[in-house]
């Protein structure tokens, strides 16, 4: 077969389980290609169709209705009879099943189970079969003395090696590995990683690797595919997709992965998939997506190219740029001199993203924030909101869906106003709804930040509240308009450590729940690395470094950033 032709070519595959009532479509219009020696990773939540896809390739499913084509070396496996497909199983295509205890037969020895594919496909003598078994056991790093043992006598890692030996004993061209690290300890996972990597280099098989472990996928595959509700929602080079996900679902999976950033708090994806996909017409991720629109709920997006070797199923072409500022400059006249608070700053915040703007006090962070939100007008530069240039006026930007939570909760909430009036004031400015509707919206915002909504609390004046309560009121005021972008300016700097932790976790929880983007401004680096997806480092009015939070915090490049981090994380360095 020509090197440029795919070894496996799946075209518009749909798999429906007909035994269910109603029938359940587990894979829908899925297409993929993999060439000899390539490796493809498949990620997604449980129930997204990954294992169904693997079993479909092997034609091992019963009570299903299958549509589309599965071409292997140009042969359509869907058209083969059962005797014909058996010639491909294990000899051409092999599958390493998940859950070794369920897969391995408890009453057969390891040698008997590894030998089954040999006896089914090759005419070898007993001696030759034994030699092949010993060879493959050595190949997967398992001492041949275990060949007469039974599965229950082996550890989880050893049983996984047995499954791998069974799959490789006939030297297949395509190896499908389904959740190889499930229930394994860190040392066993690392052993399986090295084993798969070395075996693929030595034998040259193509590999499809299915796993919840995104870090494991990142180490072993060259391409990665994200599945959701039986569909491919993102496809591309592994390094590109995992470093810069373009679908909100892929980003959600990465944010829930502990292996990617050891300091960051974990947040699962809110909501759940539609229960009945047959009758759901729109994008299946729309109910959980932070940037869904009416179009998303009405029509299903097609998987299409958005860049070279990058495909995304999204009506908006992927995660949209929400706020973008270019060439921002801002100075102040102080007596006889001009102070350049912001010398030149470019910043971008994407939909549903948490961006941390960090730096020392006086570095220009708050000035930049106030310029972005329209409280200050820039001397130079432009601000774009959803690709549209916006006017330098705070009310205009509030109407567009931007809100700010100020640093000082005591000056940000008037002590002469009651709690209810403070929270609903943005709605009054916007003349939104009736008076009753504004009151109801204010109460919902207060409940969201875990404050009481009884008449006694609503009628309290803000001067009677504690610092933590006033900051929660300020957050509720920002959220009452259902903003798409919240700028949190040093919101924990005036609070004690306990209230700092509670307020920040509360705000991050709200961000995860409602899906708004957030610019988190702080000089508290320990807090920033708990929540940030991206980081911008500001020094003397300039952005000196920017990038993924994991990269910036673990491998800072700029001299100032390294100095700042060394001082902030001094105790960690000593440890």
Protein backbone atom coordinates (compact mmCIF):
# COMPACT_ATOMS: atom_id res chain seq x y z
CA UNK A 1 0.00 0.00 0.00
CA UNK A 2 1.24 3.48 -0.87
CA UNK A 3 2.54 5.45 2.12
CA UNK A 4 0.23 8.38 1.37
CA UNK A 5 -2.90 6.20 1.33
CA UNK A 6 -4.69 5.64 4.65
CA UNK A 7 -4.42 2.25 6.30
CA UNK A 8 -7.80 2.86 7.93
CA UNK A 9 -10.37 5.13 6.28
CA UNK A 10 -13.71 5.52 8.07
CA UNK A 11 -16.37 7.39 6.12
CA UNK A 12 -19.55 8.78 7.71
CA UNK A 13 -19.91 5.95 10.20
CA UNK A 14 -23.09 5.83 12.27
CA UNK A 15 -23.78 3.12 14.85
CA UNK A 16 -27.20 2.72 16.49
CA UNK A 17 -28.01 0.24 19.25
CA UNK A 18 -31.34 -1.23 18.17
CA UNK A 19 -31.87 -3.31 21.32
CA UNK A 20 -32.66 -0.14 23.29
CA UNK A 21 -36.14 1.35 23.27
CA UNK A 22 -35.92 3.87 21.75
CA UNK A 23 -32.84 3.04 19.69
CA UNK A 24 -29.67 4.89 20.76
CA UNK A 25 -27.21 6.32 18.24
CA UNK A 26 -23.76 6.04 19.82
CA UNK A 27 -21.68 7.18 16.82
CA UNK A 28 -22.98 9.67 14.26
CA UNK A 29 -21.49 10.53 10.83
CA UNK A 30 -17.92 9.97 12.01
CA UNK A 31 -15.03 10.06 9.56
CA UNK A 32 -11.32 9.59 10.21
CA UNK A 33 -8.13 8.40 8.53
CA UNK A 34 -4.97 6.89 9.92
CA UNK A 35 -1.88 5.87 7.99
CA UNK A 36 0.68 3.17 8.65
CA UNK A 37 2.81 3.98 11.68
CA UNK A 38 0.65 6.93 12.78
CA UNK A 39 -0.94 7.30 16.19
CA UNK A 40 -4.34 8.83 16.88
CA UNK A 41 -5.69 9.68 20.31
CA UNK A 42 -9.41 9.83 21.05
CA UNK A 43 -10.62 11.78 24.10
CA UNK A 44 -14.05 12.49 25.54
CA UNK A 45 -16.26 11.83 28.53
CA UNK A 46 -17.65 8.39 29.32
CA UNK A 47 -20.51 7.54 27.00
CA UNK A 48 -19.35 9.72 24.10
CA UNK A 49 -18.92 6.73 21.75
CA UNK A 50 -15.19 6.01 21.95
CA UNK A 51 -15.44 2.32 22.79
CA UNK A 52 -18.35 1.84 20.38
CA UNK A 53 -16.12 3.16 17.62
CA UNK A 54 -13.33 0.74 18.57
CA UNK A 55 -15.65 -2.27 18.64
CA UNK A 56 -17.24 -1.19 15.34
CA UNK A 57 -13.88 -1.24 13.57
CA UNK A 58 -13.45 -4.85 14.73
CA UNK A 59 -17.09 -5.67 13.85
CA UNK A 60 -17.64 -7.01 17.36
CA UNK A 61 -20.98 -5.33 18.11
CA UNK A 62 -24.33 -7.12 18.07
CA UNK A 63 -27.85 -5.74 17.85
CA UNK A 64 -26.68 -2.60 16.07
CA UNK A 65 -27.56 -0.83 12.85
CA UNK A 66 -24.41 0.41 11.15
CA UNK A 67 -24.17 2.86 8.26
CA UNK A 68 -21.15 4.19 6.38
CA UNK A 69 -17.86 2.59 5.37
CA UNK A 70 -14.85 1.20 7.23
CA UNK A 71 -12.04 0.73 4.71
CA UNK A 72 -8.92 -1.16 5.75
CA UNK A 73 -6.20 -1.21 3.09
CA UNK A 74 -8.96 -0.38 0.61
CA UNK A 75 -11.25 -3.25 1.68
CA UNK A 76 -14.67 -2.29 3.07
CA UNK A 77 -14.95 -4.29 6.30
CA UNK A 78 -18.68 -3.56 6.44
CA UNK A 79 -19.29 -5.75 3.39
CA UNK A 80 -17.39 -8.81 4.64
CA UNK A 81 -19.10 -11.94 5.89
CA UNK A 82 -18.38 -13.18 9.40
CA UNK A 83 -15.82 -15.81 8.22
CA UNK A 84 -14.10 -13.12 6.12
CA UNK A 85 -13.92 -10.54 8.93
CA UNK A 86 -12.37 -13.14 11.24
CA UNK A 87 -9.30 -13.14 9.00
CA UNK A 88 -8.79 -9.47 9.85
CA UNK A 89 -9.36 -9.68 13.59
CA UNK A 90 -6.12 -10.06 15.56
CA UNK A 91 -4.10 -10.75 12.41
CA UNK A 92 -4.60 -7.33 10.74
CA UNK A 93 -6.43 -5.34 13.43
CA UNK A 94 -6.10 -6.03 17.13
CA UNK A 95 -7.84 -4.53 20.13
CA UNK A 96 -6.53 -4.14 23.67
CA UNK A 97 -9.69 -4.13 25.76
CA UNK A 98 -10.20 -2.12 28.92
CA UNK A 99 -10.79 -3.83 32.28
CA UNK A 100 -8.44 -6.78 32.15
CA UNK A 101 -10.21 -8.75 34.90
CA UNK A 102 -13.42 -8.91 32.88
CA UNK A 103 -11.70 -9.64 29.56
CA UNK A 104 -9.31 -12.38 30.62
CA UNK A 105 -10.78 -15.86 31.16
CA UNK A 106 -10.24 -16.80 34.82
CA UNK A 107 -9.99 -20.56 34.11
CA UNK A 108 -7.39 -20.37 31.33
CA UNK A 109 -3.68 -19.83 31.79
CA UNK A 110 -1.91 -16.80 30.34
CA UNK A 111 -0.26 -18.97 27.67
CA UNK A 112 -3.61 -20.46 26.60
CA UNK A 113 -5.15 -17.02 26.19
CA UNK A 114 -2.21 -15.50 24.31
CA UNK A 115 -2.12 -18.59 22.10
CA UNK A 116 -5.75 -18.32 20.96
CA UNK A 117 -5.09 -15.79 18.14
CA UNK A 118 -2.14 -17.93 16.95
CA UNK A 119 -4.21 -21.10 16.74
CA UNK A 120 -7.02 -19.23 14.97
CA UNK A 121 -4.85 -17.61 12.27
CA UNK A 122 -1.56 -19.45 11.91
CA UNK A 123 -0.69 -23.10 11.36
CA UNK A 124 2.09 -23.53 13.89
CA UNK A 125 3.22 -26.58 15.81
CA UNK A 126 2.87 -26.65 19.59
CA UNK A 127 6.58 -25.94 19.92
CA UNK A 128 6.44 -22.99 17.51
CA UNK A 129 3.38 -21.60 19.28
CA UNK A 130 5.15 -21.83 22.64
CA UNK A 131 8.18 -20.03 21.21
CA UNK A 132 5.94 -17.29 19.83
CA UNK A 133 4.24 -16.90 23.22
CA UNK A 134 7.57 -16.63 25.01
CA UNK A 135 8.77 -14.10 22.42
CA UNK A 136 5.74 -11.85 22.80
CA UNK A 137 5.87 -12.06 26.61
CA UNK A 138 9.46 -10.87 26.49
CA UNK A 139 8.41 -8.18 24.04
CA UNK A 140 5.86 -6.72 26.48
CA UNK A 141 8.24 -6.98 29.42
CA UNK A 142 6.60 -9.91 31.22
CA UNK A 143 8.74 -12.78 32.44
CA UNK A 144 7.80 -15.96 30.50
CA UNK A 145 7.70 -17.86 33.79
CA UNK A 146 4.25 -16.31 34.29
CA UNK A 147 2.81 -18.02 31.20
CA UNK A 148 1.27 -20.85 33.21
CA UNK A 149 -0.28 -18.50 35.79
CA UNK A 150 -3.94 -17.51 35.93
CA UNK A 151 -5.18 -13.89 35.62
CA UNK A 152 -6.04 -13.47 39.31
CA UNK A 153 -2.41 -14.25 40.20
CA UNK A 154 -1.14 -11.18 38.31
CA UNK A 155 -1.18 -7.50 39.23
CA UNK A 156 -3.20 -4.96 37.24
CA UNK A 157 -0.13 -3.80 35.33
CA UNK A 158 0.87 -7.38 34.51
CA UNK A 159 -2.63 -8.21 33.26
CA UNK A 160 -2.49 -5.16 31.01
CA UNK A 161 0.73 -6.51 29.52
CA UNK A 162 -0.99 -9.85 28.90
CA UNK A 163 -3.76 -8.10 26.96
CA UNK A 164 -1.13 -6.26 24.97
CA UNK A 165 0.69 -9.55 24.26
CA UNK A 166 -2.58 -11.11 23.03
CA UNK A 167 -3.09 -8.18 20.68
CA UNK A 168 0.46 -8.23 19.29
CA UNK A 169 1.05 -11.96 19.01
CA UNK A 170 -0.05 -12.03 15.33
CA UNK A 171 1.80 -8.79 14.53
CA UNK A 172 -1.19 -6.66 13.40
CA UNK A 173 -0.92 -3.55 11.27
CA UNK A 174 -3.38 -1.58 13.41
CA UNK A 175 -3.54 -1.67 17.20
CA UNK A 176 -6.56 -0.20 19.00
CA UNK A 177 -5.90 0.42 22.69
CA UNK A 178 -8.96 1.15 24.84
CA UNK A 179 -8.30 2.84 28.21
CA UNK A 180 -4.98 1.07 28.92
CA UNK A 181 -4.26 2.97 32.14
CA UNK A 182 -7.64 2.67 33.89
CA UNK A 183 -7.18 1.74 37.58
CA UNK A 184 -3.37 1.60 37.25
CA UNK A 185 -1.00 3.35 39.63
CA UNK A 186 1.40 6.04 38.39
CA UNK A 187 4.36 3.66 38.08
CA UNK A 188 2.33 1.13 36.06
CA UNK A 189 0.99 3.89 33.82
CA UNK A 190 4.51 5.03 33.08
CA UNK A 191 5.57 1.46 32.29
CA UNK A 192 2.65 1.05 29.84
CA UNK A 193 3.55 4.36 28.20
CA UNK A 194 7.18 3.34 27.60
CA UNK A 195 6.05 -0.09 26.42
CA UNK A 196 3.59 1.23 23.84
CA UNK A 197 6.04 3.86 22.62
CA UNK A 198 8.89 1.38 22.21
CA UNK A 199 6.72 -1.31 20.61
CA UNK A 200 5.31 1.07 18.03
CA UNK A 201 8.81 2.23 17.11
CA UNK A 202 10.05 -1.36 16.86
CA UNK A 203 7.10 -2.94 15.04
CA UNK A 204 5.70 0.07 13.16
CA UNK A 205 1.98 -0.58 13.68
CA UNK A 206 -0.58 2.23 13.47
CA UNK A 207 -2.30 2.92 16.78
CA UNK A 208 -5.62 4.30 17.94
CA UNK A 209 -5.39 5.18 21.63
CA UNK A 210 -8.61 5.77 23.56
CA UNK A 211 -8.22 7.26 27.02
CA UNK A 212 -9.65 9.60 29.65
CA UNK A 213 -6.05 10.37 30.57
CA UNK A 214 -5.31 13.40 28.40
CA UNK A 215 -1.70 13.61 29.60
CA UNK A 216 -1.17 9.98 28.52
CA UNK A 217 -2.63 10.80 25.09
CA UNK A 218 -0.34 13.81 24.77
CA UNK A 219 2.77 11.69 25.22
CA UNK A 220 1.91 8.94 22.75
CA UNK A 221 -0.05 10.34 19.82
CA UNK A 222 0.62 12.65 16.88
CA UNK A 223 -3.07 13.37 16.17
CA UNK A 224 -5.99 13.74 18.56
CA UNK A 225 -9.74 13.64 18.09
CA UNK A 226 -12.33 14.91 20.59
CA UNK A 227 -15.65 13.06 20.64
CA UNK A 228 -18.91 14.31 22.12
CA UNK A 229 -22.28 12.56 21.85
CA UNK A 230 -20.93 10.24 19.16
CA UNK A 231 -19.55 13.04 16.99
CA UNK A 232 -16.12 14.48 16.31
CA UNK A 233 -16.03 18.08 17.57
CA UNK A 234 -12.29 18.74 17.16
CA UNK A 235 -9.46 17.11 15.24
CA UNK A 236 -5.83 18.09 14.76
CA UNK A 237 -2.22 17.66 15.77
CA UNK A 238 -2.01 16.59 19.40
CA UNK A 239 0.41 19.36 20.38
CA UNK A 240 -1.79 22.03 18.75
CA UNK A 241 -5.11 20.82 20.12
CA UNK A 242 -3.93 20.33 23.70
CA UNK A 243 -1.97 23.58 23.81
CA UNK A 244 -4.64 25.69 22.14
CA UNK A 245 -8.05 23.96 22.10
CA UNK A 246 -10.47 25.57 19.68
CA UNK A 247 -13.67 23.88 20.83
CA UNK A 248 -15.18 24.78 24.21
CA UNK A 249 -15.68 21.09 25.02
CA UNK A 250 -12.02 20.21 24.45
CA UNK A 251 -11.02 23.12 26.68
CA UNK A 252 -13.40 21.84 29.35
CA UNK A 253 -11.81 18.39 29.25
CA UNK A 254 -8.35 19.90 29.69
CA UNK A 255 -9.50 22.08 32.60
CA UNK A 256 -10.76 18.92 34.30
CA UNK A 257 -7.44 17.11 33.84
CA UNK A 258 -5.22 17.12 36.92
CA UNK A 259 -2.16 16.00 34.97
CA UNK A 260 -1.87 19.18 32.89
CA UNK A 261 -1.39 21.83 35.55
CA UNK A 262 -0.64 20.65 39.05
CA UNK A 263 -1.46 23.96 40.77
CA UNK A 264 -4.77 24.76 39.11
CA UNK A 265 -8.06 23.91 40.79
CA UNK A 266 -10.12 21.35 38.86
CA UNK A 267 -13.55 22.17 37.48
CA UNK A 268 -15.72 19.70 35.62
CA UNK A 269 -17.85 20.69 32.66
CA UNK A 270 -21.21 21.98 33.85
CA UNK A 271 -24.45 20.32 32.75
CA UNK A 272 -24.86 17.04 30.90
CA UNK A 273 -25.36 15.83 27.30
CA UNK A 274 -28.86 15.77 25.78
CA UNK A 275 -30.71 12.61 26.83
CA UNK A 276 -32.30 12.01 23.43
CA UNK A 277 -29.96 12.75 20.54
CA UNK A 278 -32.39 11.47 17.89
CA UNK A 279 -34.75 14.38 18.40
CA UNK A 280 -32.13 17.03 19.22
CA UNK A 281 -31.58 19.19 16.15
CA UNK A 282 -28.91 21.64 17.30
CA UNK A 283 -25.30 21.34 18.42
CA UNK A 284 -25.32 18.69 21.17
CA UNK A 285 -22.90 20.77 23.26
CA UNK A 286 -25.03 23.94 23.06
CA UNK A 287 -26.77 23.44 26.46
CA UNK A 288 -23.34 23.34 28.15
CA UNK A 289 -21.50 25.85 25.97
CA UNK A 290 -20.48 29.32 27.16
CA UNK A 291 -20.90 30.90 23.71
CA UNK A 292 -24.00 29.17 22.33
CA UNK A 293 -26.50 31.19 20.32
CA UNK A 294 -29.95 30.56 18.86
CA UNK A 295 -28.32 29.15 15.73
CA UNK A 296 -26.39 26.63 17.83
CA UNK A 297 -29.62 25.33 19.32
CA UNK A 298 -31.36 25.06 15.97
CA UNK A 299 -28.80 23.47 13.63
CA UNK A 300 -25.93 21.04 14.06
CA UNK A 301 -22.51 22.35 12.96
CA UNK A 302 -20.39 20.37 10.53
CA UNK A 303 -16.78 19.44 11.18
CA UNK A 304 -14.78 21.78 8.99
CA UNK A 305 -11.25 23.05 8.58
CA UNK A 306 -10.46 26.26 10.46
CA UNK A 307 -6.69 26.05 9.97
CA UNK A 308 -4.13 23.77 8.38
CA UNK A 309 -4.65 20.25 9.79
CA UNK A 310 -7.25 21.57 12.24
CA UNK A 311 -10.97 20.80 12.17
CA UNK A 312 -13.67 22.06 14.52
CA UNK A 313 -17.44 21.50 14.63
CA UNK A 314 -18.64 24.93 15.73
CA UNK A 315 -20.85 27.53 14.07
CA UNK A 316 -18.46 30.23 15.31
CA UNK A 317 -15.35 28.48 14.03
CA UNK A 318 -14.21 27.58 17.54
CA UNK A 319 -13.74 29.57 20.74
CA UNK A 320 -14.42 33.17 19.76
CA UNK A 321 -12.34 36.17 20.69
CA UNK A 322 -14.46 38.07 23.17
CA UNK A 323 -12.41 41.11 24.01
CA UNK A 324 -9.32 42.30 22.20
CA UNK A 325 -7.32 45.43 22.89
CA UNK A 326 -4.58 46.68 20.57
CA UNK A 327 -1.94 49.33 21.22
CA UNK A 328 -3.49 50.71 24.42
CA UNK A 329 -1.66 53.71 25.84
CA UNK A 330 -2.73 55.79 28.82
CA UNK A 331 -0.96 58.64 30.61
CA UNK A 332 -1.83 61.00 33.46
CA UNK A 333 -0.80 64.61 34.03
CA UNK A 334 0.51 64.97 37.57
CA UNK A 335 1.49 68.57 38.27
CA UNK A 336 4.26 69.34 35.83
CA UNK A 337 5.00 65.83 34.62
CA UNK A 338 3.34 63.14 32.58
CA UNK A 339 3.17 59.60 33.96
CA UNK A 340 2.88 56.81 31.40
CA UNK A 341 0.63 54.38 33.28
CA UNK A 342 0.18 52.10 30.25
CA UNK A 343 2.88 52.44 27.61
CA UNK A 344 1.57 49.93 25.11
CA UNK A 345 -0.60 46.92 25.81
CA UNK A 346 -2.21 44.24 23.65
CA UNK A 347 -4.51 41.75 25.34
CA UNK A 348 -7.08 39.19 24.23
CA UNK A 349 -9.72 37.28 26.19
CA UNK A 350 -11.64 34.44 24.57
CA UNK A 351 -15.13 33.27 25.39
CA UNK A 352 -15.35 31.48 28.74
CA UNK A 353 -11.66 32.00 29.46
CA UNK A 354 -10.04 33.10 32.71
CA UNK A 355 -7.12 35.44 32.04
CA UNK A 356 -4.90 36.62 34.88
CA UNK A 357 -3.19 40.01 34.61
CA UNK A 358 -0.38 39.98 37.18
CA UNK A 359 2.38 42.33 38.26
CA UNK A 360 3.55 44.49 41.11
CA UNK A 361 1.43 47.27 42.56
CA UNK A 362 1.72 50.33 40.34
CA UNK A 363 2.53 48.35 37.20
CA UNK A 364 -0.55 49.68 35.36
CA UNK A 365 -2.94 46.74 35.80
CA UNK A 366 -5.93 48.66 37.12
CA UNK A 367 -5.43 51.50 34.65
CA UNK A 368 -5.50 49.00 31.81
CA UNK A 369 -8.62 47.36 33.27
CA UNK A 370 -10.45 50.68 33.61
CA UNK A 371 -9.50 51.50 30.03
CA UNK A 372 -10.79 48.16 28.76
CA UNK A 373 -14.11 48.61 30.49
CA UNK A 374 -14.54 52.22 29.36
CA UNK A 375 -14.16 54.07 32.67
CA UNK A 376 -11.01 55.67 31.22
CA UNK A 377 -10.41 56.65 27.60
CA UNK A 378 -7.11 55.51 26.08
CA UNK A 379 -4.70 58.06 24.60
CA UNK A 380 -4.09 55.58 21.80
CA UNK A 381 -5.36 52.15 20.80
CA UNK A 382 -8.66 50.39 20.28
CA UNK A 383 -10.88 47.93 22.13
CA UNK A 384 -12.88 45.32 20.23
CA UNK A 385 -15.76 43.40 21.77
CA UNK A 386 -16.74 40.28 19.80
CA UNK A 387 -14.85 41.68 16.83
CA UNK A 388 -16.66 45.01 16.95
CA UNK A 389 -14.92 48.23 17.97
CA UNK A 390 -16.68 49.69 21.01
CA UNK A 391 -17.08 53.26 22.16
CA UNK A 392 -15.11 54.56 25.12
CA UNK A 393 -18.08 54.78 27.42
CA UNK A 394 -18.79 52.59 30.44
CA UNK A 395 -22.57 52.41 29.94
CA UNK A 396 -22.07 51.30 26.33
CA UNK A 397 -19.80 48.48 27.36
CA UNK A 398 -22.12 47.44 30.16
CA UNK A 399 -24.88 47.12 27.57
CA UNK A 400 -22.53 45.01 25.44
CA UNK A 401 -22.09 42.55 28.33
CA UNK A 402 -19.03 43.80 30.22
CA UNK A 403 -18.89 44.32 33.99
CA UNK A 404 -16.20 45.18 36.52
CA UNK A 405 -15.79 44.27 40.19
CA UNK A 406 -13.71 46.96 41.86
CA UNK A 407 -10.82 46.49 44.23
CA UNK A 408 -12.32 48.19 47.28
CA UNK A 409 -15.76 46.82 48.24
CA UNK A 410 -16.25 49.65 50.73
CA UNK A 411 -15.99 52.45 48.16
CA UNK A 412 -17.55 50.37 45.35
CA UNK A 413 -20.83 49.96 47.23
CA UNK A 414 -22.40 53.14 48.60
CA UNK A 415 -22.92 53.01 52.35
CA UNK A 416 -26.04 55.13 51.88
CA UNK A 417 -27.76 52.54 49.66
CA UNK A 418 -29.59 49.39 50.64
CA UNK A 419 -28.39 45.99 49.44
CA UNK A 420 -31.26 45.47 46.99
CA UNK A 421 -30.80 48.94 45.46
CA UNK A 422 -27.05 48.44 45.02
CA UNK A 423 -27.43 45.10 43.25
CA UNK A 424 -30.22 46.15 40.89
CA UNK A 425 -28.74 49.57 40.04
CA UNK A 426 -27.15 48.37 36.73
CA UNK A 427 -30.60 47.16 35.64
CA UNK A 428 -32.07 50.53 36.55
CA UNK A 429 -29.41 52.26 34.42
CA UNK A 430 -30.17 49.95 31.51
CA UNK A 431 -33.95 50.38 32.09
CA UNK A 432 -34.26 46.60 31.91
CA UNK A 433 -37.64 45.02 32.62
CA UNK A 434 -40.21 46.07 35.19
CA UNK A 435 -39.45 46.95 38.80
CA UNK A 436 -40.56 43.50 39.94
CA UNK A 437 -38.38 41.81 37.31
CA UNK A 438 -35.38 43.85 38.45
CA UNK A 439 -35.98 42.87 42.07
CA UNK A 440 -36.27 39.20 41.10
CA UNK A 441 -33.04 39.37 39.07
CA UNK A 442 -31.24 41.03 42.00
CA UNK A 443 -32.42 38.29 44.36
CA UNK A 444 -31.21 35.58 41.96
CA UNK A 445 -27.79 37.26 41.80
CA UNK A 446 -27.62 37.44 45.61
CA UNK A 447 -28.57 33.77 45.90
CA UNK A 448 -25.84 32.89 43.37
CA UNK A 449 -23.20 34.42 45.69
CA UNK A 450 -24.75 32.69 48.74
CA UNK A 451 -26.26 35.75 50.40
CA UNK A 452 -29.73 35.75 51.99
CA UNK A 453 -32.66 37.29 50.12
CA UNK A 454 -35.01 37.84 53.03
CA UNK A 455 -36.51 41.29 53.44
CA UNK A 456 -34.34 42.09 56.46
CA UNK A 457 -31.09 41.57 54.52
CA UNK A 458 -32.35 43.32 51.36
CA UNK A 459 -33.24 46.40 53.43
CA UNK A 460 -29.85 46.57 55.17
CA UNK A 461 -27.53 49.46 54.36
CA UNK A 462 -24.15 48.46 52.96
CA UNK A 463 -22.22 50.14 55.80
CA UNK A 464 -23.60 47.47 58.16
CA UNK A 465 -22.08 44.57 56.17
CA UNK A 466 -18.74 42.87 56.74
CA UNK A 467 -15.96 43.14 54.17
CA UNK A 468 -16.66 39.68 52.82
CA UNK A 469 -20.39 40.38 52.55
CA UNK A 470 -19.80 43.69 50.76
CA UNK A 471 -17.53 41.98 48.25
CA UNK A 472 -20.22 39.37 47.59
CA UNK A 473 -22.73 42.17 47.09
CA UNK A 474 -20.31 43.75 44.59
CA UNK A 475 -20.04 40.43 42.74
CA UNK A 476 -23.84 40.05 42.70
CA UNK A 477 -24.13 43.58 41.29
CA UNK A 478 -21.71 42.63 38.47
CA UNK A 479 -23.57 39.40 37.69
CA UNK A 480 -27.10 40.79 37.74
CA UNK A 481 -26.90 41.77 34.04
CA UNK A 482 -25.73 38.26 33.01
CA UNK A 483 -22.45 39.62 31.61
CA UNK A 484 -20.29 37.77 29.10
CA UNK A 485 -17.10 39.28 30.52
CA UNK A 486 -16.29 40.14 34.13
CA UNK A 487 -13.19 42.13 35.07
CA UNK A 488 -12.23 41.37 38.67
CA UNK A 489 -9.79 44.04 39.82
CA UNK A 490 -7.82 42.98 42.91
CA UNK A 491 -11.08 41.79 44.49
CA UNK A 492 -9.41 39.88 47.34
CA UNK A 493 -6.62 42.32 48.22
CA UNK A 494 -8.51 43.88 51.17
CA UNK A 495 -9.77 40.61 52.64
CA UNK A 496 -8.31 38.22 55.20
CA UNK A 497 -6.95 34.86 53.91
CA UNK A 498 -10.13 32.95 54.77
CA UNK A 499 -12.38 35.41 52.96
CA UNK A 500 -9.87 35.59 50.09
CA UNK A 501 -10.16 31.87 49.52
CA UNK A 502 -13.94 31.84 49.86
CA UNK A 503 -14.53 34.80 47.54
CA UNK A 504 -12.15 33.58 44.82
CA UNK A 505 -13.51 30.04 44.86
CA UNK A 506 -17.05 31.42 44.80
CA UNK A 507 -16.28 33.62 41.80
CA UNK A 508 -14.53 30.83 39.93
CA UNK A 509 -17.46 28.54 40.64
CA UNK A 510 -19.85 31.13 39.24
CA UNK A 511 -17.63 31.54 36.18
CA UNK A 512 -17.68 27.79 35.61
CA UNK A 513 -21.44 27.66 36.15
CA UNK A 514 -22.47 30.64 33.99
CA UNK A 515 -19.62 30.50 31.47
CA UNK A 516 -18.62 34.17 31.41
CA UNK A 517 -15.06 35.15 30.51
CA UNK A 518 -13.03 36.75 33.29
CA UNK A 519 -10.04 39.04 33.52
CA UNK A 520 -8.61 38.48 37.00
CA UNK A 521 -6.23 41.26 38.04
CA UNK A 522 -4.00 40.54 40.98
CA UNK A 523 -0.55 40.77 42.47
CA UNK A 524 -1.29 37.57 44.46
CA UNK A 525 0.42 35.03 42.21
CA UNK A 526 -0.58 32.05 44.34
CA UNK A 527 -4.22 32.91 43.70
CA UNK A 528 -3.73 33.61 40.00
CA UNK A 529 -2.29 30.20 39.26
CA UNK A 530 -5.27 28.56 40.96
CA UNK A 531 -7.76 29.88 38.41
CA UNK A 532 -6.04 31.19 35.27
CA UNK A 533 -6.10 29.67 31.79
CA UNK A 534 -3.87 32.40 30.34
CA UNK A 535 -1.50 34.84 32.02
CA UNK A 536 -0.29 38.33 31.10
CA UNK A 537 2.60 39.78 33.12
CA UNK A 538 2.72 43.58 33.38
CA UNK A 539 5.77 45.64 34.34
CA UNK A 540 6.07 49.43 34.28
CA UNK A 541 3.08 49.84 32.00
CA UNK A 542 4.03 47.13 29.50
CA UNK A 543 3.02 43.51 28.91
CA UNK A 544 6.37 41.74 29.16
CA UNK A 545 5.16 38.12 28.97
CA UNK A 546 2.00 36.24 28.04
CA UNK A 547 0.94 32.65 27.41
CA UNK A 548 -0.77 29.56 28.83
CA UNK A 549 -0.83 29.65 32.61
CA UNK A 550 0.93 26.28 32.89
CA UNK A 551 3.81 27.42 30.68
CA UNK A 552 4.23 30.88 32.18
CA UNK A 553 4.14 29.71 35.79
CA UNK A 554 6.37 26.68 35.27
CA UNK A 555 8.75 28.07 32.64
CA UNK A 556 8.79 31.89 32.75
CA UNK A 557 10.90 33.43 29.98
CA UNK A 558 11.21 37.14 30.74
CA UNK A 559 13.79 38.24 33.31
CA UNK A 560 11.20 40.28 35.24
CA UNK A 561 8.75 37.36 35.34
CA UNK A 562 11.42 35.02 36.68
CA UNK A 563 12.35 37.56 39.37
CA UNK A 564 8.70 38.14 40.30
CA UNK A 565 7.98 34.43 40.58
CA UNK A 566 11.16 33.66 42.50
CA UNK A 567 10.13 36.18 45.14
CA UNK A 568 6.50 35.06 45.27
CA UNK A 569 7.27 31.34 45.35
CA UNK A 570 10.43 31.59 47.43
CA UNK A 571 9.32 29.04 50.00
CA UNK A 572 8.53 26.48 47.29
CA UNK A 573 12.00 26.93 45.85
CA UNK A 574 13.52 26.30 49.27
CA UNK A 575 11.45 23.14 49.65
